[in-house]
Amino acid sequence: EDFPMDRFPRRYAAVGDLTDGIDDHPGRIEQLLDWVERDKAAG
């Protein structure tokens, strides 16, 4: 309830876009896929 549409532009103007930079941090998922195989081995 902190973020109704009519008041949100004021927050945006104050804090900016909090997703700025999201494209600068692509990661890798090999460890998660290792967990997939671990789970399979455990049935």
ModelCIF file with pLDDT and N, C-alpha, C, O atoms, coordinates in Angstrom:
data_MODEL
#
_entry.id   MODEL 
#
_entity.id                         1 
_entity.type                       polymer 
_entity.pdbx_number_of_molecules   1 
#
_entity_poly.entity_id                      1 
_entity_poly.type                           'polypeptide(L)' 
_entity_poly.nstd_linkage                   no 
_entity_poly.nstd_monomer                   no 
_entity_poly.pdbx_seq_one_letter_code       EDFPMDRFPRRYAAVGDLTDGIDDHPGRIEQLLDWVERDKAAG 
_entity_poly.pdbx_seq_one_letter_code_can   EDFPMDRFPRRYAAVGDLTDGIDDHPGRIEQLLDWVERDKAAG 
_entity_poly.pdbx_strand_id                 A 
#
loop_
_entity_poly_seq.entity_id 
_entity_poly_seq.num 
_entity_poly_seq.mon_id 
_entity_poly_seq.hetero 
1 1  GLU n 
1 2  ASP n 
1 3  PHE n 
1 4  PRO n 
1 5  MET n 
1 6  ASP n 
1 7  ARG n 
1 8  PHE n 
1 9  PRO n 
1 10 ARG n 
1 11 ARG n 
1 12 TYR n 
1 13 ALA n 
1 14 ALA n 
1 15 VAL n 
1 16 GLY n 
1 17 ASP n 
1 18 LEU n 
1 19 THR n 
1 20 ASP n 
1 21 GLY n 
1 22 ILE n 
1 23 ASP n 
1 24 ASP n 
1 25 HIS n 
1 26 PRO n 
1 27 GLY n 
1 28 ARG n 
1 29 ILE n 
1 30 GLU n 
1 31 GLN n 
1 32 LEU n 
1 33 LEU n 
1 34 ASP n 
1 35 TRP n 
1 36 VAL n 
1 37 GLU n 
1 38 ARG n 
1 39 ASP n 
1 40 LYS n 
1 41 ALA n 
1 42 ALA n 
1 43 GLY n 
#
_struct_asym.id          A 
_struct_asym.entity_id   1 
#
loop_
_ma_qa_metric.id 
_ma_qa_metric.mode 
_ma_qa_metric.name 
_ma_qa_metric.software_group_id 
_ma_qa_metric.type 
1 global pLDDT . pLDDT 
2 local  pLDDT . pLDDT 
#
_ma_qa_metric_global.metric_id      1 
_ma_qa_metric_global.metric_value   97.16 
_ma_qa_metric_global.model_id       1 
_ma_qa_metric_global.ordinal_id     1 
#
loop_
_ma_qa_metric_local.label_asym_id 
_ma_qa_metric_local.label_comp_id 
_ma_qa_metric_local.label_seq_id 
_ma_qa_metric_local.metric_id 
_ma_qa_metric_local.metric_value 
_ma_qa_metric_local.model_id 
_ma_qa_metric_local.ordinal_id 
A GLU 1  2 97.00 1 1  
A ASP 2  2 98.00 1 2  
A PHE 3  2 98.00 1 3  
A PRO 4  2 98.00 1 4  
A MET 5  2 98.00 1 5  
A ASP 6  2 98.00 1 6  
A ARG 7  2 98.00 1 7  
A PHE 8  2 98.00 1 8  
A PRO 9  2 98.00 1 9  
A ARG 10 2 98.00 1 10 
A ARG 11 2 98.00 1 11 
A TYR 12 2 98.00 1 12 
A ALA 13 2 98.00 1 13 
A ALA 14 2 98.00 1 14 
A VAL 15 2 98.00 1 15 
A GLY 16 2 98.00 1 16 
A ASP 17 2 98.00 1 17 
A LEU 18 2 98.00 1 18 
A THR 19 2 98.00 1 19 
A ASP 20 2 97.00 1 20 
A GLY 21 2 97.00 1 21 
A ILE 22 2 97.00 1 22 
A ASP 23 2 96.00 1 23 
A ASP 24 2 95.00 1 24 
A HIS 25 2 86.00 1 25 
A PRO 26 2 97.00 1 26 
A GLY 27 2 98.00 1 27 
A ARG 28 2 98.00 1 28 
A ILE 29 2 98.00 1 29 
A GLU 30 2 98.00 1 30 
A GLN 31 2 98.00 1 31 
A LEU 32 2 98.00 1 32 
A LEU 33 2 98.00 1 33 
A ASP 34 2 98.00 1 34 
A TRP 35 2 98.00 1 35 
A VAL 36 2 98.00 1 36 
A GLU 37 2 97.00 1 37 
A ARG 38 2 97.00 1 38 
A ASP 39 2 96.00 1 39 
A LYS 40 2 96.00 1 40 
A ALA 41 2 96.00 1 41 
A ALA 42 2 96.00 1 42 
A GLY 43 2 94.00 1 43 
#
loop_
_atom_site.group_PDB 
_atom_site.id 
_atom_site.type_symbol 
_atom_site.label_atom_id 
_atom_site.label_alt_id 
_atom_site.label_comp_id 
_atom_site.label_asym_id 
_atom_site.label_entity_id 
_atom_site.label_seq_id 
_atom_site.pdbx_PDB_ins_code 
_atom_site.Cartn_x 
_atom_site.Cartn_y 
_atom_site.Cartn_z 
_atom_site.occupancy 
_atom_site.B_iso_or_equiv 
_atom_site.pdbx_formal_charge 
_atom_site.auth_seq_id 
_atom_site.auth_comp_id 
_atom_site.auth_asym_id 
_atom_site.auth_atom_id 
_atom_site.pdbx_PDB_model_num 
ATOM 1   N N  . GLU A 1 1  ? 0.801  -1.226  0.000   1.00 97.00 ? 1  GLU A N  1 
ATOM 2   C CA . GLU A 1 1  ? 0.000  0.000   0.000   1.00 97.00 ? 1  GLU A CA 1 
ATOM 3   C C  . GLU A 1 1  ? 0.832  1.274   0.000   1.00 97.00 ? 1  GLU A C  1 
ATOM 4   O O  . GLU A 1 1  ? 0.286  2.374   -0.086  1.00 97.00 ? 1  GLU A O  1 
ATOM 5   N N  . ASP A 1 2  ? 2.157  1.132   0.097   1.00 98.00 ? 2  ASP A N  1 
ATOM 6   C CA . ASP A 1 2  ? 3.025  2.319   0.055   1.00 98.00 ? 2  ASP A CA 1 
ATOM 7   C C  . ASP A 1 2  ? 3.123  2.933   -1.335  1.00 98.00 ? 2  ASP A C  1 
ATOM 8   O O  . ASP A 1 2  ? 3.641  4.040   -1.481  1.00 98.00 ? 2  ASP A O  1 
ATOM 9   N N  . PHE A 1 3  ? 2.629  2.229   -2.367  1.00 98.00 ? 3  PHE A N  1 
ATOM 10  C CA . PHE A 1 3  ? 2.916  2.631   -3.735  1.00 98.00 ? 3  PHE A CA 1 
ATOM 11  C C  . PHE A 1 3  ? 1.656  2.774   -4.593  1.00 98.00 ? 3  PHE A C  1 
ATOM 12  O O  . PHE A 1 3  ? 1.537  2.093   -5.611  1.00 98.00 ? 3  PHE A O  1 
ATOM 13  N N  . PRO A 1 4  ? 0.708  3.646   -4.206  1.00 98.00 ? 4  PRO A N  1 
ATOM 14  C CA . PRO A 1 4  ? -0.433 3.894   -5.088  1.00 98.00 ? 4  PRO A CA 1 
ATOM 15  C C  . PRO A 1 4  ? 0.004  4.683   -6.315  1.00 98.00 ? 4  PRO A C  1 
ATOM 16  O O  . PRO A 1 4  ? 0.953  5.465   -6.262  1.00 98.00 ? 4  PRO A O  1 
ATOM 17  N N  . MET A 1 5  ? -0.697 4.467   -7.411  1.00 98.00 ? 5  MET A N  1 
ATOM 18  C CA . MET A 1 5  ? -0.306 5.090   -8.672  1.00 98.00 ? 5  MET A CA 1 
ATOM 19  C C  . MET A 1 5  ? -0.221 6.604   -8.583  1.00 98.00 ? 5  MET A C  1 
ATOM 20  O O  . MET A 1 5  ? 0.710  7.200   -9.125  1.00 98.00 ? 5  MET A O  1 
ATOM 21  N N  . ASP A 1 6  ? -1.170 7.235   -7.913  1.00 98.00 ? 6  ASP A N  1 
ATOM 22  C CA . ASP A 1 6  ? -1.213 8.698   -7.957  1.00 98.00 ? 6  ASP A CA 1 
ATOM 23  C C  . ASP A 1 6  ? -0.058 9.344   -7.198  1.00 98.00 ? 6  ASP A C  1 
ATOM 24  O O  . ASP A 1 6  ? 0.295  10.487  -7.486  1.00 98.00 ? 6  ASP A O  1 
ATOM 25  N N  . ARG A 1 7  ? 0.539  8.639   -6.234  1.00 98.00 ? 7  ARG A N  1 
ATOM 26  C CA . ARG A 1 7  ? 1.659  9.211   -5.483  1.00 98.00 ? 7  ARG A CA 1 
ATOM 27  C C  . ARG A 1 7  ? 3.015  8.710   -5.973  1.00 98.00 ? 7  ARG A C  1 
ATOM 28  O O  . ARG A 1 7  ? 4.050  9.250   -5.582  1.00 98.00 ? 7  ARG A O  1 
ATOM 29  N N  . PHE A 1 8  ? 3.022  7.695   -6.815  1.00 98.00 ? 8  PHE A N  1 
ATOM 30  C CA . PHE A 1 8  ? 4.291  7.066   -7.161  1.00 98.00 ? 8  PHE A CA 1 
ATOM 31  C C  . PHE A 1 8  ? 5.235  7.974   -7.951  1.00 98.00 ? 8  PHE A C  1 
ATOM 32  O O  . PHE A 1 8  ? 6.445  7.883   -7.744  1.00 98.00 ? 8  PHE A O  1 
ATOM 33  N N  . PRO A 1 9  ? 4.750  8.845   -8.846  1.00 98.00 ? 9  PRO A N  1 
ATOM 34  C CA . PRO A 1 9  ? 5.707  9.711   -9.560  1.00 98.00 ? 9  PRO A CA 1 
ATOM 35  C C  . PRO A 1 9  ? 6.599  10.526  -8.638  1.00 98.00 ? 9  PRO A C  1 
ATOM 36  O O  . PRO A 1 9  ? 7.736  10.832  -8.997  1.00 98.00 ? 9  PRO A O  1 
ATOM 37  N N  . ARG A 1 10 ? 6.109  10.883  -7.462  1.00 98.00 ? 10 ARG A N  1 
ATOM 38  C CA . ARG A 1 10 ? 6.947  11.625  -6.516  1.00 98.00 ? 10 ARG A CA 1 
ATOM 39  C C  . ARG A 1 10 ? 8.095  10.743  -6.007  1.00 98.00 ? 10 ARG A C  1 
ATOM 40  O O  . ARG A 1 10 ? 9.230  11.200  -5.869  1.00 98.00 ? 10 ARG A O  1 
ATOM 41  N N  . ARG A 1 11 ? 7.780  9.481   -5.733  1.00 98.00 ? 11 ARG A N  1 
ATOM 42  C CA . ARG A 1 11 ? 8.851  8.566   -5.315  1.00 98.00 ? 11 ARG A CA 1 
ATOM 43  C C  . ARG A 1 11 ? 9.857  8.389   -6.451  1.00 98.00 ? 11 ARG A C  1 
ATOM 44  O O  . ARG A 1 11 ? 11.067 8.432   -6.227  1.00 98.00 ? 11 ARG A O  1 
ATOM 45  N N  . TYR A 1 12 ? 9.358  8.194   -7.653  1.00 98.00 ? 12 TYR A N  1 
ATOM 46  C CA . TYR A 1 12 ? 10.246 7.972   -8.802  1.00 98.00 ? 12 TYR A CA 1 
ATOM 47  C C  . TYR A 1 12 ? 11.170 9.175   -9.000  1.00 98.00 ? 12 TYR A C  1 
ATOM 48  O O  . TYR A 1 12 ? 12.358 9.015   -9.277  1.00 98.00 ? 12 TYR A O  1 
ATOM 49  N N  . ALA A 1 13 ? 10.618 10.368  -8.857  1.00 98.00 ? 13 ALA A N  1 
ATOM 50  C CA . ALA A 1 13 ? 11.435 11.571  -9.018  1.00 98.00 ? 13 ALA A CA 1 
ATOM 51  C C  . ALA A 1 13 ? 12.498 11.657  -7.927  1.00 98.00 ? 13 ALA A C  1 
ATOM 52  O O  . ALA A 1 13 ? 13.586 12.187  -8.157  1.00 98.00 ? 13 ALA A O  1 
ATOM 53  N N  . ALA A 1 14 ? 12.184 11.135  -6.738  1.00 98.00 ? 14 ALA A N  1 
ATOM 54  C CA . ALA A 1 14 ? 13.104 11.225  -5.609  1.00 98.00 ? 14 ALA A CA 1 
ATOM 55  C C  . ALA A 1 14 ? 14.206 10.165  -5.661  1.00 98.00 ? 14 ALA A C  1 
ATOM 56  O O  . ALA A 1 14 ? 15.367 10.471  -5.389  1.00 98.00 ? 14 ALA A O  1 
ATOM 57  N N  . VAL A 1 15 ? 13.853 8.915   -6.009  1.00 98.00 ? 15 VAL A N  1 
ATOM 58  C CA . VAL A 1 15 ? 14.828 7.821   -5.934  1.00 98.00 ? 15 VAL A CA 1 
ATOM 59  C C  . VAL A 1 15 ? 15.335 7.379   -7.292  1.00 98.00 ? 15 VAL A C  1 
ATOM 60  O O  . VAL A 1 15 ? 16.331 6.660   -7.377  1.00 98.00 ? 15 VAL A O  1 
ATOM 61  N N  . GLY A 1 16 ? 14.659 7.801   -8.366  1.00 98.00 ? 16 GLY A N  1 
ATOM 62  C CA . GLY A 1 16 ? 15.051 7.386   -9.709  1.00 98.00 ? 16 GLY A CA 1 
ATOM 63  C C  . GLY A 1 16 ? 14.578 5.981   -10.027 1.00 98.00 ? 16 GLY A C  1 
ATOM 64  O O  . GLY A 1 16 ? 13.790 5.389   -9.289  1.00 98.00 ? 16 GLY A O  1 
ATOM 65  N N  . ASP A 1 17 ? 15.065 5.470   -11.117 1.00 98.00 ? 17 ASP A N  1 
ATOM 66  C CA . ASP A 1 17 ? 14.702 4.122   -11.552 1.00 98.00 ? 17 ASP A CA 1 
ATOM 67  C C  . ASP A 1 17 ? 15.585 3.113   -10.819 1.00 98.00 ? 17 ASP A C  1 
ATOM 68  O O  . ASP A 1 17 ? 16.786 3.031   -11.078 1.00 98.00 ? 17 ASP A O  1 
ATOM 69  N N  . LEU A 1 18 ? 14.999 2.358   -9.917  1.00 98.00 ? 18 LEU A N  1 
ATOM 70  C CA . LEU A 1 18 ? 15.769 1.403   -9.116  1.00 98.00 ? 18 LEU A CA 1 
ATOM 71  C C  . LEU A 1 18 ? 16.125 0.141   -9.890  1.00 98.00 ? 18 LEU A C  1 
ATOM 72  O O  . LEU A 1 18 ? 16.774 -0.750  -9.341  1.00 98.00 ? 18 LEU A O  1 
ATOM 73  N N  . THR A 1 19 ? 15.716 0.044   -11.149 1.00 98.00 ? 19 THR A N  1 
ATOM 74  C CA . THR A 1 19 ? 16.179 -1.063  -11.984 1.00 98.00 ? 19 THR A CA 1 
ATOM 75  C C  . THR A 1 19 ? 17.362 -0.647  -12.867 1.00 98.00 ? 19 THR A C  1 
ATOM 76  O O  . THR A 1 19 ? 17.873 -1.458  -13.639 1.00 98.00 ? 19 THR A O  1 
ATOM 77  N N  . ASP A 1 20 ? 17.791 0.592   -12.757 1.00 97.00 ? 20 ASP A N  1 
ATOM 78  C CA . ASP A 1 20 ? 18.947 1.056   -13.528 1.00 97.00 ? 20 ASP A CA 1 
ATOM 79  C C  . ASP A 1 20 ? 20.169 0.226   -13.146 1.00 97.00 ? 20 ASP A C  1 
ATOM 80  O O  . ASP A 1 20 ? 20.530 0.153   -11.971 1.00 97.00 ? 20 ASP A O  1 
ATOM 81  N N  . GLY A 1 21 ? 20.796 -0.391  -14.123 1.00 97.00 ? 21 GLY A N  1 
ATOM 82  C CA . GLY A 1 21 ? 21.950 -1.238  -13.869 1.00 97.00 ? 21 GLY A CA 1 
ATOM 83  C C  . GLY A 1 21 ? 21.657 -2.724  -13.924 1.00 97.00 ? 21 GLY A C  1 
ATOM 84  O O  . GLY A 1 21 ? 22.579 -3.538  -13.866 1.00 97.00 ? 21 GLY A O  1 
ATOM 85  N N  . ILE A 1 22 ? 20.384 -3.092  -14.036 1.00 97.00 ? 22 ILE A N  1 
ATOM 86  C CA . ILE A 1 22 ? 20.038 -4.510  -14.023 1.00 97.00 ? 22 ILE A CA 1 
ATOM 87  C C  . ILE A 1 22 ? 20.679 -5.272  -15.182 1.00 97.00 ? 22 ILE A C  1 
ATOM 88  O O  . ILE A 1 22 ? 21.016 -6.448  -15.041 1.00 97.00 ? 22 ILE A O  1 
ATOM 89  N N  . ASP A 1 23 ? 20.847 -4.614  -16.313 1.00 96.00 ? 23 ASP A N  1 
ATOM 90  C CA . ASP A 1 23 ? 21.426 -5.293  -17.475 1.00 96.00 ? 23 ASP A CA 1 
ATOM 91  C C  . ASP A 1 23 ? 22.947 -5.430  -17.393 1.00 96.00 ? 23 ASP A C  1 
ATOM 92  O O  . ASP A 1 23 ? 23.566 -6.068  -18.245 1.00 96.00 ? 23 ASP A O  1 
ATOM 93  N N  . ASP A 1 24 ? 23.541 -4.832  -16.368 1.00 95.00 ? 24 ASP A N  1 
ATOM 94  C CA . ASP A 1 24 ? 24.998 -4.859  -16.241 1.00 95.00 ? 24 ASP A CA 1 
ATOM 95  C C  . ASP A 1 24 ? 25.498 -6.041  -15.423 1.00 95.00 ? 24 ASP A C  1 
ATOM 96  O O  . ASP A 1 24 ? 26.703 -6.192  -15.222 1.00 95.00 ? 24 ASP A O  1 
ATOM 97  N N  . HIS A 1 25 ? 24.581 -6.882  -14.950 1.00 86.00 ? 25 HIS A N  1 
ATOM 98  C CA . HIS A 1 25 ? 24.981 -7.968  -14.049 1.00 86.00 ? 25 HIS A CA 1 
ATOM 99  C C  . HIS A 1 25 ? 24.439 -9.318  -14.490 1.00 86.00 ? 25 HIS A C  1 
ATOM 100 O O  . HIS A 1 25 ? 23.791 -9.994  -13.692 1.00 86.00 ? 25 HIS A O  1 
ATOM 101 N N  . PRO A 1 26 ? 24.679 -9.744  -15.741 1.00 97.00 ? 26 PRO A N  1 
ATOM 102 C CA . PRO A 1 26 ? 24.216 -11.083 -16.130 1.00 97.00 ? 26 PRO A CA 1 
ATOM 103 C C  . PRO A 1 26 ? 25.054 -12.160 -15.449 1.00 97.00 ? 26 PRO A C  1 
ATOM 104 O O  . PRO A 1 26 ? 26.281 -12.073 -15.400 1.00 97.00 ? 26 PRO A O  1 
ATOM 105 N N  . GLY A 1 27 ? 24.373 -13.173 -14.926 1.00 98.00 ? 27 GLY A N  1 
ATOM 106 C CA . GLY A 1 27 ? 25.072 -14.235 -14.225 1.00 98.00 ? 27 GLY A CA 1 
ATOM 107 C C  . GLY A 1 27 ? 24.998 -15.557 -14.965 1.00 98.00 ? 27 GLY A C  1 
ATOM 108 O O  . GLY A 1 27 ? 24.489 -15.633 -16.084 1.00 98.00 ? 27 GLY A O  1 
ATOM 109 N N  . ARG A 1 28 ? 25.509 -16.590 -14.327 1.00 98.00 ? 28 ARG A N  1 
ATOM 110 C CA . ARG A 1 28 ? 25.533 -17.927 -14.904 1.00 98.00 ? 28 ARG A CA 1 
ATOM 111 C C  . ARG A 1 28 ? 24.818 -18.892 -13.953 1.00 98.00 ? 28 ARG A C  1 
ATOM 112 O O  . ARG A 1 28 ? 24.768 -18.665 -12.744 1.00 98.00 ? 28 ARG A O  1 
ATOM 113 N N  . ILE A 1 29 ? 24.272 -19.961 -14.513 1.00 98.00 ? 29 ILE A N  1 
ATOM 114 C CA . ILE A 1 29 ? 23.416 -20.835 -13.717 1.00 98.00 ? 29 ILE A CA 1 
ATOM 115 C C  . ILE A 1 29 ? 23.948 -22.264 -13.631 1.00 98.00 ? 29 ILE A C  1 
ATOM 116 O O  . ILE A 1 29 ? 23.189 -23.186 -13.332 1.00 98.00 ? 29 ILE A O  1 
ATOM 117 N N  . GLU A 1 30 ? 25.235 -22.457 -13.886 1.00 98.00 ? 30 GLU A N  1 
ATOM 118 C CA . GLU A 1 30 ? 25.774 -23.820 -13.817 1.00 98.00 ? 30 GLU A CA 1 
ATOM 119 C C  . GLU A 1 30 ? 25.526 -24.468 -12.457 1.00 98.00 ? 30 GLU A C  1 
ATOM 120 O O  . GLU A 1 30 ? 25.212 -25.656 -12.390 1.00 98.00 ? 30 GLU A O  1 
ATOM 121 N N  . GLN A 1 31 ? 25.662 -23.698 -11.363 1.00 98.00 ? 31 GLN A N  1 
ATOM 122 C CA . GLN A 1 31 ? 25.472 -24.316 -10.049 1.00 98.00 ? 31 GLN A CA 1 
ATOM 123 C C  . GLN A 1 31 ? 24.026 -24.757 -9.857  1.00 98.00 ? 31 GLN A C  1 
ATOM 124 O O  . GLN A 1 31 ? 23.772 -25.798 -9.251  1.00 98.00 ? 31 GLN A O  1 
ATOM 125 N N  . LEU A 1 32 ? 23.077 -23.978 -10.366 1.00 98.00 ? 32 LEU A N  1 
ATOM 126 C CA . LEU A 1 32 ? 21.677 -24.372 -10.251 1.00 98.00 ? 32 LEU A CA 1 
ATOM 127 C C  . LEU A 1 32 ? 21.416 -25.638 -11.059 1.00 98.00 ? 32 LEU A C  1 
ATOM 128 O O  . LEU A 1 32 ? 20.662 -26.508 -10.623 1.00 98.00 ? 32 LEU A O  1 
ATOM 129 N N  . LEU A 1 33 ? 22.033 -25.748 -12.229 1.00 98.00 ? 33 LEU A N  1 
ATOM 130 C CA . LEU A 1 33 ? 21.868 -26.953 -13.046 1.00 98.00 ? 33 LEU A CA 1 
ATOM 131 C C  . LEU A 1 33 ? 22.572 -28.145 -12.396 1.00 98.00 ? 33 LEU A C  1 
ATOM 132 O O  . LEU A 1 33 ? 22.142 -29.286 -12.564 1.00 98.00 ? 33 LEU A O  1 
ATOM 133 N N  . ASP A 1 34 ? 23.645 -27.887 -11.661 1.00 98.00 ? 34 ASP A N  1 
ATOM 134 C CA . ASP A 1 34 ? 24.258 -28.966 -10.875 1.00 98.00 ? 34 ASP A CA 1 
ATOM 135 C C  . ASP A 1 34 ? 23.290 -29.451 -9.802  1.00 98.00 ? 34 ASP A C  1 
ATOM 136 O O  . ASP A 1 34 ? 23.235 -30.645 -9.506  1.00 98.00 ? 34 ASP A O  1 
ATOM 137 N N  . TRP A 1 35 ? 22.533 -28.534 -9.223  1.00 98.00 ? 35 TRP A N  1 
ATOM 138 C CA . TRP A 1 35 ? 21.530 -28.935 -8.225  1.00 98.00 ? 35 TRP A CA 1 
ATOM 139 C C  . TRP A 1 35 ? 20.430 -29.777 -8.864  1.00 98.00 ? 35 TRP A C  1 
ATOM 140 O O  . TRP A 1 35 ? 19.903 -30.697 -8.238  1.00 98.00 ? 35 TRP A O  1 
ATOM 141 N N  . VAL A 1 36 ? 20.082 -29.456 -10.126 1.00 98.00 ? 36 VAL A N  1 
ATOM 142 C CA . VAL A 1 36 ? 19.105 -30.276 -10.845 1.00 98.00 ? 36 VAL A CA 1 
ATOM 143 C C  . VAL A 1 36 ? 19.593 -31.720 -10.912 1.00 98.00 ? 36 VAL A C  1 
ATOM 144 O O  . VAL A 1 36 ? 18.840 -32.649 -10.620 1.00 98.00 ? 36 VAL A O  1 
ATOM 145 N N  . GLU A 1 37 ? 20.861 -31.907 -11.301 1.00 97.00 ? 37 GLU A N  1 
ATOM 146 C CA . GLU A 1 37 ? 21.419 -33.255 -11.411 1.00 97.00 ? 37 GLU A CA 1 
ATOM 147 C C  . GLU A 1 37 ? 21.533 -33.924 -10.042 1.00 97.00 ? 37 GLU A C  1 
ATOM 148 O O  . GLU A 1 37 ? 21.293 -35.124 -9.911  1.00 97.00 ? 37 GLU A O  1 
ATOM 149 N N  . ARG A 1 38 ? 21.895 -33.159 -9.041  1.00 97.00 ? 38 ARG A N  1 
ATOM 150 C CA . ARG A 1 38 ? 21.953 -33.697 -7.681  1.00 97.00 ? 38 ARG A CA 1 
ATOM 151 C C  . ARG A 1 38 ? 20.583 -34.204 -7.230  1.00 97.00 ? 38 ARG A C  1 
ATOM 152 O O  . ARG A 1 38 ? 20.463 -35.281 -6.646  1.00 97.00 ? 38 ARG A O  1 
ATOM 153 N N  . ASP A 1 39 ? 19.549 -33.400 -7.516  1.00 96.00 ? 39 ASP A N  1 
ATOM 154 C CA . ASP A 1 39 ? 18.194 -33.815 -7.146  1.00 96.00 ? 39 ASP A CA 1 
ATOM 155 C C  . ASP A 1 39 ? 17.776 -35.076 -7.886  1.00 96.00 ? 39 ASP A C  1 
ATOM 156 O O  . ASP A 1 39 ? 17.168 -35.975 -7.305  1.00 96.00 ? 39 ASP A O  1 
ATOM 157 N N  . LYS A 1 40 ? 18.109 -35.136 -9.184  1.00 96.00 ? 40 LYS A N  1 
ATOM 158 C CA . LYS A 1 40 ? 17.787 -36.337 -9.964  1.00 96.00 ? 40 LYS A CA 1 
ATOM 159 C C  . LYS A 1 40 ? 18.436 -37.572 -9.354  1.00 96.00 ? 40 LYS A C  1 
ATOM 160 O O  . LYS A 1 40 ? 17.799 -38.618 -9.228  1.00 96.00 ? 40 LYS A O  1 
ATOM 161 N N  . ALA A 1 41 ? 19.714 -37.447 -8.976  1.00 96.00 ? 41 ALA A N  1 
ATOM 162 C CA . ALA A 1 41 ? 20.431 -38.582 -8.392  1.00 96.00 ? 41 ALA A CA 1 
ATOM 163 C C  . ALA A 1 41 ? 19.800 -39.026 -7.078  1.00 96.00 ? 41 ALA A C  1 
ATOM 164 O O  . ALA A 1 41 ? 19.899 -40.193 -6.698  1.00 96.00 ? 41 ALA A O  1 
ATOM 165 N N  . ALA A 1 42 ? 19.152 -38.092 -6.388  1.00 96.00 ? 42 ALA A N  1 
ATOM 166 C CA . ALA A 1 42 ? 18.479 -38.418 -5.128  1.00 96.00 ? 42 ALA A CA 1 
ATOM 167 C C  . ALA A 1 42 ? 17.031 -38.855 -5.345  1.00 96.00 ? 42 ALA A C  1 
ATOM 168 O O  . ALA A 1 42 ? 16.293 -39.053 -4.379  1.00 96.00 ? 42 ALA A O  1 
ATOM 169 N N  . GLY A 1 43 ? 16.622 -39.006 -6.602  1.00 94.00 ? 43 GLY A N  1 
ATOM 170 C CA . GLY A 1 43 ? 15.272 -39.438 -6.907  1.00 94.00 ? 43 GLY A CA 1 
ATOM 171 C C  . GLY A 1 43 ? 14.240 -38.328 -6.953  1.00 94.00 ? 43 GLY A C  1 
ATOM 172 O O  . GLY A 1 43 ? 13.063 -38.588 -7.203  1.00 94.00 ? 43 GLY A O  1 
#
